[in-house]
């Protein structure tokens, strides 16, 4: 039988090594993630950005050239033949702990004690292990958000990590959507591993979402996607619903808060970690 997952997990990549100042790495990652790059590693000289070979290099290198007009950096490209990326990831992955609230580990790690909730996440090629400041802040935020009995949307679900945590916290139902097929499959797998049966995963854009009256929305993606989606998100919620946004650089706080307000969501609070923020908004019923 033809194994699509084997193809994905061993597919060819181009690695772009960017030589840049350390304080620019996060900003470059934010912009590059809006293109076809899907994996990033920060290092002593800047960062490495990985581009699936099937995506082609022209558009990616056009994006890099545009960014060189804003940031001072150089780059080199190297072809990386297909290999077992999951095996490489497993050799480097370490558990993540968010205070005494929750912990995230893979299935090959021993159980973690001393936390209220433990998630087992095997991310394959999907984003969302809790290591990045954006996902970490969203998990921490869920400790403060009353999700018990609510119907939620996880927009850009990645591994399904936030949907799964929300389910464990008592959410009644979560619809999880991601444009990446691997994220869709990974969300289903991770939900099963964690014994969660009320997460409905869908592959596609917001057009694939079937719910129309959500109590809250989780949106840990990036500035570009969130800004474009805000008007539609406002149509998908009940009056007075909440919206949790992350994947936003500190420098973009004003533009995102203003855009959210235009869509009818008022800022309640903002958390910050590293160069990234996480914002909690509530729909204005006025």
C-alpha atoms as a PDB file:
ATOM      1  CA  UNK A   1       0.000   0.000   0.000  1.00  0.00           C
ATOM      2  CA  UNK A   2       1.208   3.532  -0.790  1.00  0.00           C
ATOM      3  CA  UNK A   3       2.010   5.316   2.473  1.00  0.00           C
ATOM      4  CA  UNK A   4       1.467   9.070   2.108  1.00  0.00           C
ATOM      5  CA  UNK A   5       2.714   9.690   5.651  1.00  0.00           C
ATOM      6  CA  UNK A   6       6.008   7.981   4.887  1.00  0.00           C
ATOM      7  CA  UNK A   7       6.395  10.325   1.924  1.00  0.00           C
ATOM      8  CA  UNK A   8       5.695  13.380   4.080  1.00  0.00           C
ATOM      9  CA  UNK A   9       7.977  12.335   6.921  1.00  0.00           C
ATOM     10  CA  UNK A  10      10.889  11.667   4.582  1.00  0.00           C
ATOM     11  CA  UNK A  11      10.341  14.365   1.972  1.00  0.00           C
ATOM     12  CA  UNK A  12      13.107  16.584   0.595  1.00  0.00           C
ATOM     13  CA  UNK A  13      13.722  20.073   1.994  1.00  0.00           C
ATOM     14  CA  UNK A  14      15.734  23.170   1.269  1.00  0.00           C
ATOM     15  CA  UNK A  15      17.418  24.632   4.332  1.00  0.00           C
ATOM     16  CA  UNK A  16      17.970  28.382   4.289  1.00  0.00           C
ATOM     17  CA  UNK A  17      20.614  29.487   6.768  1.00  0.00           C
ATOM     18  CA  UNK A  18      20.057  33.135   7.686  1.00  0.00           C
ATOM     19  CA  UNK A  19      22.913  35.052   9.248  1.00  0.00           C
ATOM     20  CA  UNK A  20      21.224  37.764  11.305  1.00  0.00           C
ATOM     21  CA  UNK A  21      21.230  39.502  14.663  1.00  0.00           C
ATOM     22  CA  UNK A  22      19.700  37.413  17.455  1.00  0.00           C
ATOM     23  CA  UNK A  23      17.053  40.048  18.204  1.00  0.00           C
ATOM     24  CA  UNK A  24      15.808  39.825  14.614  1.00  0.00           C
ATOM     25  CA  UNK A  25      15.367  36.042  14.457  1.00  0.00           C
ATOM     26  CA  UNK A  26      11.851  35.999  15.923  1.00  0.00           C
ATOM     27  CA  UNK A  27      10.656  38.743  13.596  1.00  0.00           C
ATOM     28  CA  UNK A  28      12.074  36.971  10.565  1.00  0.00           C
ATOM     29  CA  UNK A  29      10.419  33.716  11.634  1.00  0.00           C
ATOM     30  CA  UNK A  30       7.076  35.523  11.917  1.00  0.00           C
ATOM     31  CA  UNK A  31       7.323  36.825   8.363  1.00  0.00           C
ATOM     32  CA  UNK A  32       8.737  33.622   6.874  1.00  0.00           C
ATOM     33  CA  UNK A  33       6.010  31.524   8.472  1.00  0.00           C
ATOM     34  CA  UNK A  34       3.520  33.391   6.312  1.00  0.00           C
ATOM     35  CA  UNK A  35       5.193  31.788   3.298  1.00  0.00           C
ATOM     36  CA  UNK A  36       5.845  28.115   2.558  1.00  0.00           C
ATOM     37  CA  UNK A  37       8.534  27.646   5.234  1.00  0.00           C
ATOM     38  CA  UNK A  38       7.257  25.195   7.841  1.00  0.00           C
ATOM     39  CA  UNK A  39      10.074  24.625  10.339  1.00  0.00           C
ATOM     40  CA  UNK A  40      12.574  26.938  12.017  1.00  0.00           C
ATOM     41  CA  UNK A  41      15.645  26.574  14.239  1.00  0.00           C
ATOM     42  CA  UNK A  42      17.371  29.448  15.988  1.00  0.00           C
ATOM     43  CA  UNK A  43      21.141  29.104  16.357  1.00  0.00           C
ATOM     44  CA  UNK A  44      24.286  31.076  17.199  1.00  0.00           C
ATOM     45  CA  UNK A  45      24.454  32.787  13.795  1.00  0.00           C
ATOM     46  CA  UNK A  46      20.753  33.488  13.368  1.00  0.00           C
ATOM     47  CA  UNK A  47      18.309  30.853  12.196  1.00  0.00           C
ATOM     48  CA  UNK A  48      17.644  28.041   9.760  1.00  0.00           C
ATOM     49  CA  UNK A  49      14.350  27.986   7.862  1.00  0.00           C
ATOM     50  CA  UNK A  50      13.171  24.786   6.173  1.00  0.00           C
ATOM     51  CA  UNK A  51      11.231  24.840   2.908  1.00  0.00           C
ATOM     52  CA  UNK A  52       9.589  21.692   1.487  1.00  0.00           C
ATOM     53  CA  UNK A  53      11.260  21.097  -1.853  1.00  0.00           C
ATOM     54  CA  UNK A  54       7.894  20.558  -3.500  1.00  0.00           C
ATOM     55  CA  UNK A  55       7.003  24.194  -2.723  1.00  0.00           C
ATOM     56  CA  UNK A  56       9.694  25.502  -5.089  1.00  0.00           C
ATOM     57  CA  UNK A  57      12.224  28.213  -4.335  1.00  0.00           C
ATOM     58  CA  UNK A  58      11.155  31.200  -6.453  1.00  0.00           C
ATOM     59  CA  UNK A  59       8.423  32.566  -4.216  1.00  0.00           C
ATOM     60  CA  UNK A  60      10.402  31.784  -1.047  1.00  0.00           C
ATOM     61  CA  UNK A  61      13.475  33.609  -2.305  1.00  0.00           C
ATOM     62  CA  UNK A  62      11.353  36.526  -3.450  1.00  0.00           C
ATOM     63  CA  UNK A  63      10.089  36.768   0.131  1.00  0.00           C
ATOM     64  CA  UNK A  64      13.656  36.667   1.450  1.00  0.00           C
ATOM     65  CA  UNK A  65      14.671  39.466  -0.932  1.00  0.00           C
ATOM     66  CA  UNK A  66      11.742  41.596   0.216  1.00  0.00           C
ATOM     67  CA  UNK A  67      12.686  41.036   3.857  1.00  0.00           C
ATOM     68  CA  UNK A  68      16.258  42.138   3.137  1.00  0.00           C
ATOM     69  CA  UNK A  69      14.799  45.589   2.457  1.00  0.00           C
ATOM     70  CA  UNK A  70      13.642  45.695   6.103  1.00  0.00           C
ATOM     71  CA  UNK A  71      16.233  43.613   7.945  1.00  0.00           C
ATOM     72  CA  UNK A  72      19.975  43.227   7.649  1.00  0.00           C
ATOM     73  CA  UNK A  73      20.813  39.568   6.992  1.00  0.00           C
ATOM     74  CA  UNK A  74      22.392  37.235   4.453  1.00  0.00           C
ATOM     75  CA  UNK A  75      21.301  33.722   3.519  1.00  0.00           C
ATOM     76  CA  UNK A  76      22.531  30.533   1.929  1.00  0.00           C
ATOM     77  CA  UNK A  77      20.485  27.648   0.555  1.00  0.00           C
ATOM     78  CA  UNK A  78      21.265  23.954   0.970  1.00  0.00           C
ATOM     79  CA  UNK A  79      19.327  20.958  -0.358  1.00  0.00           C
ATOM     80  CA  UNK A  80      18.478  18.405   2.339  1.00  0.00           C
ATOM     81  CA  UNK A  81      17.468  15.006   0.924  1.00  0.00           C
ATOM     82  CA  UNK A  82      14.542  13.173   2.474  1.00  0.00           C
ATOM     83  CA  UNK A  83      15.179  11.518   5.814  1.00  0.00           C
ATOM     84  CA  UNK A  84      13.210  10.387   8.844  1.00  0.00           C
ATOM     85  CA  UNK A  85      12.339  13.799  10.252  1.00  0.00           C
ATOM     86  CA  UNK A  86      10.260  12.272  13.039  1.00  0.00           C
ATOM     87  CA  UNK A  87      13.251  10.290  14.269  1.00  0.00           C
ATOM     88  CA  UNK A  88      15.396  13.417  14.239  1.00  0.00           C
ATOM     89  CA  UNK A  89      12.690  15.352  16.073  1.00  0.00           C
ATOM     90  CA  UNK A  90      12.327  12.633  18.712  1.00  0.00           C
ATOM     91  CA  UNK A  91      16.036  12.753  19.486  1.00  0.00           C
ATOM     92  CA  UNK A  92      15.781  16.472  20.339  1.00  0.00           C
ATOM     93  CA  UNK A  93      12.305  16.865  21.813  1.00  0.00           C
ATOM     94  CA  UNK A  94      12.067  17.655  25.526  1.00  0.00           C
ATOM     95  CA  UNK A  95       8.886  17.899  27.639  1.00  0.00           C
ATOM     96  CA  UNK A  96       7.314  21.311  28.255  1.00  0.00           C
ATOM     97  CA  UNK A  97       5.901  22.417  31.610  1.00  0.00           C
ATOM     98  CA  UNK A  98       3.559  25.389  32.097  1.00  0.00           C
ATOM     99  CA  UNK A  99       3.776  26.220  35.813  1.00  0.00           C
ATOM    100  CA  UNK A 100       1.869  23.586  37.806  1.00  0.00           C
ATOM    101  CA  UNK A 101      -1.012  23.817  35.345  1.00  0.00           C
ATOM    102  CA  UNK A 102      -0.047  21.432  32.556  1.00  0.00           C
ATOM    103  CA  UNK A 103       2.791  19.552  30.924  1.00  0.00           C
ATOM    104  CA  UNK A 104       3.366  18.341  27.381  1.00  0.00           C
ATOM    105  CA  UNK A 105       5.374  15.256  26.528  1.00  0.00           C
ATOM    106  CA  UNK A 106       5.669  12.744  23.730  1.00  0.00           C
ATOM    107  CA  UNK A 107       4.624   9.125  24.143  1.00  0.00           C
ATOM    108  CA  UNK A 108       8.245   8.020  24.517  1.00  0.00           C
ATOM    109  CA  UNK A 109       8.719  10.227  27.623  1.00  0.00           C
ATOM    110  CA  UNK A 110       7.848   9.001  31.129  1.00  0.00           C
ATOM    111  CA  UNK A 111       4.754  10.542  32.804  1.00  0.00           C
ATOM    112  CA  UNK A 112       5.196  13.981  34.412  1.00  0.00           C
ATOM    113  CA  UNK A 113       3.975  14.505  37.959  1.00  0.00           C
ATOM    114  CA  UNK A 114       3.155  17.711  39.837  1.00  0.00           C
ATOM    115  CA  UNK A 115       0.830  19.228  37.213  1.00  0.00           C
ATOM    116  CA  UNK A 116      -2.948  19.333  36.947  1.00  0.00           C
ATOM    117  CA  UNK A 117      -3.063  18.236  33.331  1.00  0.00           C
ATOM    118  CA  UNK A 118      -0.706  16.194  31.203  1.00  0.00           C
ATOM    119  CA  UNK A 119      -0.880  16.087  27.400  1.00  0.00           C
ATOM    120  CA  UNK A 120       0.794  13.534  25.165  1.00  0.00           C
ATOM    121  CA  UNK A 121       1.575  15.212  21.847  1.00  0.00           C
ATOM    122  CA  UNK A 122       3.370  13.500  18.964  1.00  0.00           C
ATOM    123  CA  UNK A 123       3.566  16.330  16.440  1.00  0.00           C
ATOM    124  CA  UNK A 124       4.968  14.546  13.354  1.00  0.00           C
ATOM    125  CA  UNK A 125       5.353  17.481  10.914  1.00  0.00           C
ATOM    126  CA  UNK A 126       2.702  19.683  12.548  1.00  0.00           C
ATOM    127  CA  UNK A 127       3.297  22.834  14.631  1.00  0.00           C
ATOM    128  CA  UNK A 128       2.401  22.998  18.298  1.00  0.00           C
ATOM    129  CA  UNK A 129       4.435  21.262  20.965  1.00  0.00           C
ATOM    130  CA  UNK A 130       4.302  24.022  23.565  1.00  0.00           C
ATOM    131  CA  UNK A 131       7.965  24.893  23.142  1.00  0.00           C
ATOM    132  CA  UNK A 132       7.342  28.129  21.281  1.00  0.00           C
ATOM    133  CA  UNK A 133       6.362  31.202  23.292  1.00  0.00           C
ATOM    134  CA  UNK A 134       3.076  31.521  21.386  1.00  0.00           C
ATOM    135  CA  UNK A 135       1.728  28.046  22.193  1.00  0.00           C
ATOM    136  CA  UNK A 136       3.091  28.200  25.750  1.00  0.00           C
ATOM    137  CA  UNK A 137       1.191  31.438  26.387  1.00  0.00           C
ATOM    138  CA  UNK A 138      -2.027  30.025  24.937  1.00  0.00           C
ATOM    139  CA  UNK A 139      -1.817  27.029  27.256  1.00  0.00           C
ATOM    140  CA  UNK A 140      -1.166  29.297  30.216  1.00  0.00           C
ATOM    141  CA  UNK A 141      -4.094  31.498  29.182  1.00  0.00           C
ATOM    142  CA  UNK A 142      -6.490  28.551  29.161  1.00  0.00           C
ATOM    143  CA  UNK A 143      -6.002  28.257  32.909  1.00  0.00           C
ATOM    144  CA  UNK A 144      -7.748  31.640  33.240  1.00  0.00           C
ATOM    145  CA  UNK A 145     -10.500  31.179  30.649  1.00  0.00           C
ATOM    146  CA  UNK A 146     -13.746  29.450  31.756  1.00  0.00           C
ATOM    147  CA  UNK A 147     -14.246  26.889  28.975  1.00  0.00           C
ATOM    148  CA  UNK A 148     -16.430  24.459  30.944  1.00  0.00           C
ATOM    149  CA  UNK A 149     -19.383  23.391  28.808  1.00  0.00           C
ATOM    150  CA  UNK A 150     -18.482  25.700  25.930  1.00  0.00           C
ATOM    151  CA  UNK A 151     -18.416  25.079  22.169  1.00  0.00           C
ATOM    152  CA  UNK A 152     -15.073  26.239  20.789  1.00  0.00           C
ATOM    153  CA  UNK A 153     -13.204  26.684  17.517  1.00  0.00           C
ATOM    154  CA  UNK A 154      -9.461  26.031  17.287  1.00  0.00           C
ATOM    155  CA  UNK A 155      -8.424  27.950  14.169  1.00  0.00           C
ATOM    156  CA  UNK A 156      -5.030  26.777  12.921  1.00  0.00           C
ATOM    157  CA  UNK A 157      -4.979  23.777  15.234  1.00  0.00           C
ATOM    158  CA  UNK A 158      -1.548  22.350  14.321  1.00  0.00           C
ATOM    159  CA  UNK A 159      -1.084  19.293  16.521  1.00  0.00           C
ATOM    160  CA  UNK A 160      -4.440  19.850  18.224  1.00  0.00           C
ATOM    161  CA  UNK A 161      -2.677  20.714  21.473  1.00  0.00           C
ATOM    162  CA  UNK A 162      -4.968  23.616  22.455  1.00  0.00           C
ATOM    163  CA  UNK A 163      -8.162  21.807  21.454  1.00  0.00           C
ATOM    164  CA  UNK A 164      -7.111  18.783  23.479  1.00  0.00           C
ATOM    165  CA  UNK A 165      -6.277  20.893  26.533  1.00  0.00           C
ATOM    166  CA  UNK A 166      -9.615  22.718  26.231  1.00  0.00           C
ATOM    167  CA  UNK A 167     -11.387  19.364  26.089  1.00  0.00           C
ATOM    168  CA  UNK A 168      -9.661  18.190  29.254  1.00  0.00           C
ATOM    169  CA  UNK A 169     -10.723  21.462  30.915  1.00  0.00           C
ATOM    170  CA  UNK A 170     -14.353  20.636  30.251  1.00  0.00           C
ATOM    171  CA  UNK A 171     -15.223  22.185  26.889  1.00  0.00           C
ATOM    172  CA  UNK A 172     -18.328  20.514  25.469  1.00  0.00           C
ATOM    173  CA  UNK A 173     -17.160  20.377  21.865  1.00  0.00           C
ATOM    174  CA  UNK A 174     -14.236  21.726  19.864  1.00  0.00           C
ATOM    175  CA  UNK A 175     -14.060  22.112  16.097  1.00  0.00           C
ATOM    176  CA  UNK A 176     -10.420  22.184  15.008  1.00  0.00           C
ATOM    177  CA  UNK A 177      -9.388  23.350  11.546  1.00  0.00           C
ATOM    178  CA  UNK A 178      -6.049  23.653   9.775  1.00  0.00           C
ATOM    179  CA  UNK A 179      -5.115  24.200   6.158  1.00  0.00           C
ATOM    180  CA  UNK A 180      -2.351  21.580   6.389  1.00  0.00           C
ATOM    181  CA  UNK A 181      -3.423  17.971   5.842  1.00  0.00           C
ATOM    182  CA  UNK A 182      -0.688  16.725   8.167  1.00  0.00           C
ATOM    183  CA  UNK A 183      -2.037  18.930  10.969  1.00  0.00           C
ATOM    184  CA  UNK A 184      -5.537  17.584  10.364  1.00  0.00           C
ATOM    185  CA  UNK A 185      -4.332  13.984  10.659  1.00  0.00           C
ATOM    186  CA  UNK A 186      -2.092  14.787  13.609  1.00  0.00           C
ATOM    187  CA  UNK A 187      -4.961  16.405  15.527  1.00  0.00           C
ATOM    188  CA  UNK A 188      -7.043  13.255  15.094  1.00  0.00           C
ATOM    189  CA  UNK A 189      -4.168  11.041  16.237  1.00  0.00           C
ATOM    190  CA  UNK A 190      -3.284  13.161  19.260  1.00  0.00           C
ATOM    191  CA  UNK A 191      -6.939  13.379  20.311  1.00  0.00           C
ATOM    192  CA  UNK A 192      -7.098   9.584  20.315  1.00  0.00           C
ATOM    193  CA  UNK A 193      -3.836   9.281  22.262  1.00  0.00           C
ATOM    194  CA  UNK A 194      -5.204  11.619  24.944  1.00  0.00           C
ATOM    195  CA  UNK A 195      -8.576   9.909  25.178  1.00  0.00           C
ATOM    196  CA  UNK A 196     -10.388  12.964  23.818  1.00  0.00           C
ATOM    197  CA  UNK A 197     -13.489  12.252  21.740  1.00  0.00           C
ATOM    198  CA  UNK A 198     -15.131  15.661  21.370  1.00  0.00           C
ATOM    199  CA  UNK A 199     -12.612  17.299  19.017  1.00  0.00           C
ATOM    200  CA  UNK A 200     -13.859  17.380  15.421  1.00  0.00           C
ATOM    201  CA  UNK A 201     -10.935  17.988  13.067  1.00  0.00           C
ATOM    202  CA  UNK A 202     -11.306  19.494   9.600  1.00  0.00           C
ATOM    203  CA  UNK A 203      -8.793  20.188   6.857  1.00  0.00           C
ATOM    204  CA  UNK A 204      -9.147  23.527   5.095  1.00  0.00           C
ATOM    205  CA  UNK A 205      -9.700  27.223   5.659  1.00  0.00           C
ATOM    206  CA  UNK A 206     -12.483  28.811   7.705  1.00  0.00           C
ATOM    207  CA  UNK A 207     -14.797  27.835   4.849  1.00  0.00           C
ATOM    208  CA  UNK A 208     -14.491  24.238   6.083  1.00  0.00           C
ATOM    209  CA  UNK A 209     -15.869  25.149   9.525  1.00  0.00           C
ATOM    210  CA  UNK A 210     -19.440  23.944  10.059  1.00  0.00           C
ATOM    211  CA  UNK A 211     -20.160  25.591  13.419  1.00  0.00           C
ATOM    212  CA  UNK A 212     -21.786  29.037  13.467  1.00  0.00           C
ATOM    213  CA  UNK A 213     -22.234  29.934  17.144  1.00  0.00           C
ATOM    214  CA  UNK A 214     -19.021  29.381  19.064  1.00  0.00           C
ATOM    215  CA  UNK A 215     -18.564  30.493  22.669  1.00  0.00           C
ATOM    216  CA  UNK A 216     -14.850  31.078  22.076  1.00  0.00           C
ATOM    217  CA  UNK A 217     -12.122  30.859  19.455  1.00  0.00           C
ATOM    218  CA  UNK A 218      -8.464  29.896  19.794  1.00  0.00           C
ATOM    219  CA  UNK A 219      -6.309  31.406  17.036  1.00  0.00           C
ATOM    220  CA  UNK A 220      -2.587  30.709  17.402  1.00  0.00           C
ATOM    221  CA  UNK A 221      -1.388  31.362  13.845  1.00  0.00           C
ATOM    222  CA  UNK A 222       0.292  34.549  12.613  1.00  0.00           C
ATOM    223  CA  UNK A 223      -0.520  38.211  12.152  1.00  0.00           C
ATOM    224  CA  UNK A 224      -1.323  38.028   8.441  1.00  0.00           C
ATOM    225  CA  UNK A 225      -3.824  35.172   8.723  1.00  0.00           C
ATOM    226  CA  UNK A 226      -5.456  36.570  11.865  1.00  0.00           C
ATOM    227  CA  UNK A 227      -5.928  40.060  10.420  1.00  0.00           C
ATOM    228  CA  UNK A 228      -7.533  38.608   7.287  1.00  0.00           C
ATOM    229  CA  UNK A 229      -9.750  36.268   9.318  1.00  0.00           C
ATOM    230  CA  UNK A 230     -11.046  38.646  12.021  1.00  0.00           C
ATOM    231  CA  UNK A 231     -14.231  39.739  10.187  1.00  0.00           C
ATOM    232  CA  UNK A 232     -15.167  36.120   9.493  1.00  0.00           C
ATOM    233  CA  UNK A 233     -14.336  35.036  13.050  1.00  0.00           C
ATOM    234  CA  UNK A 234     -16.723  37.708  14.331  1.00  0.00           C
ATOM    235  CA  UNK A 235     -19.498  36.060  12.312  1.00  0.00           C
ATOM    236  CA  UNK A 236     -18.834  32.626  13.791  1.00  0.00           C
ATOM    237  CA  UNK A 237     -19.375  33.460  17.465  1.00  0.00           C
ATOM    238  CA  UNK A 238     -22.251  33.993  19.874  1.00  0.00           C
ATOM    239  CA  UNK A 239     -22.789  37.483  21.351  1.00  0.00           C
ATOM    240  CA  UNK A 240     -20.234  38.109  24.079  1.00  0.00           C
ATOM    241  CA  UNK A 241     -17.911  35.330  22.916  1.00  0.00           C
ATOM    242  CA  UNK A 242     -14.184  35.414  23.561  1.00  0.00           C
ATOM    243  CA  UNK A 243     -11.184  35.247  21.228  1.00  0.00           C
ATOM    244  CA  UNK A 244      -7.653  34.193  22.171  1.00  0.00           C
ATOM    245  CA  UNK A 245      -5.004  35.352  19.693  1.00  0.00           C
ATOM    246  CA  UNK A 246      -1.313  34.484  19.540  1.00  0.00           C
ATOM    247  CA  UNK A 247       1.441  34.137  16.960  1.00  0.00           C
ATOM    248  CA  UNK A 248       1.833  37.919  17.161  1.00  0.00           C
ATOM    249  CA  UNK A 249       5.074  39.831  17.631  1.00  0.00           C
ATOM    250  CA  UNK A 250       5.215  42.512  20.344  1.00  0.00           C
ATOM    251  CA  UNK A 251       5.767  45.127  17.633  1.00  0.00           C
ATOM    252  CA  UNK A 252       2.411  44.226  16.048  1.00  0.00           C
ATOM    253  CA  UNK A 253       0.311  44.688  19.193  1.00  0.00           C
ATOM    254  CA  UNK A 254      -1.270  47.977  18.163  1.00  0.00           C
ATOM    255  CA  UNK A 255      -2.294  46.893  14.669  1.00  0.00           C
ATOM    256  CA  UNK A 256      -3.815  43.639  15.928  1.00  0.00           C
ATOM    257  CA  UNK A 257      -5.684  45.253  18.846  1.00  0.00           C
ATOM    258  CA  UNK A 258      -7.100  47.931  16.526  1.00  0.00           C
ATOM    259  CA  UNK A 259      -8.135  45.371  13.902  1.00  0.00           C
ATOM    260  CA  UNK A 260      -9.789  43.225  16.567  1.00  0.00           C
ATOM    261  CA  UNK A 261     -11.706  46.260  17.812  1.00  0.00           C
ATOM    262  CA  UNK A 262     -12.916  47.018  14.289  1.00  0.00           C
ATOM    263  CA  UNK A 263     -14.199  43.432  14.080  1.00  0.00           C
ATOM    264  CA  UNK A 264     -16.030  43.895  17.397  1.00  0.00           C
ATOM    265  CA  UNK A 265     -13.571  42.307  19.854  1.00  0.00           C
ATOM    266  CA  UNK A 266     -12.365  44.393  22.806  1.00  0.00           C
ATOM    267  CA  UNK A 267      -9.011  43.681  24.426  1.00  0.00           C
ATOM    268  CA  UNK A 268      -9.228  42.326  27.967  1.00  0.00           C
ATOM    269  CA  UNK A 269      -5.592  41.468  28.648  1.00  0.00           C
ATOM    270  CA  UNK A 270      -2.268  40.783  26.971  1.00  0.00           C
ATOM    271  CA  UNK A 271       0.564  38.484  28.093  1.00  0.00           C
ATOM    272  CA  UNK A 272       4.098  38.676  26.746  1.00  0.00           C
ATOM    273  CA  UNK A 273       6.873  36.106  26.538  1.00  0.00           C
ATOM    274  CA  UNK A 274      10.083  36.689  24.617  1.00  0.00           C
ATOM    275  CA  UNK A 275       9.205  38.702  21.508  1.00  0.00           C
ATOM    276  CA  UNK A 276       5.669  37.316  21.335  1.00  0.00           C
ATOM    277  CA  UNK A 277       2.298  38.236  22.792  1.00  0.00           C
ATOM    278  CA  UNK A 278      -0.970  36.481  23.499  1.00  0.00           C
ATOM    279  CA  UNK A 279      -4.187  38.482  23.704  1.00  0.00           C
ATOM    280  CA  UNK A 280      -7.604  37.741  25.198  1.00  0.00           C
ATOM    281  CA  UNK A 281     -10.549  39.593  23.651  1.00  0.00           C
ATOM    282  CA  UNK A 282     -14.312  39.608  24.243  1.00  0.00           C
ATOM    283  CA  UNK A 283     -16.919  40.521  21.648  1.00  0.00           C
ATOM    284  CA  UNK A 284     -18.412  43.959  22.140  1.00  0.00           C
ATOM    285  CA  UNK A 285     -22.194  43.666  22.503  1.00  0.00           C
ATOM    286  CA  UNK A 286     -22.806  47.365  22.261  1.00  0.00           C
END
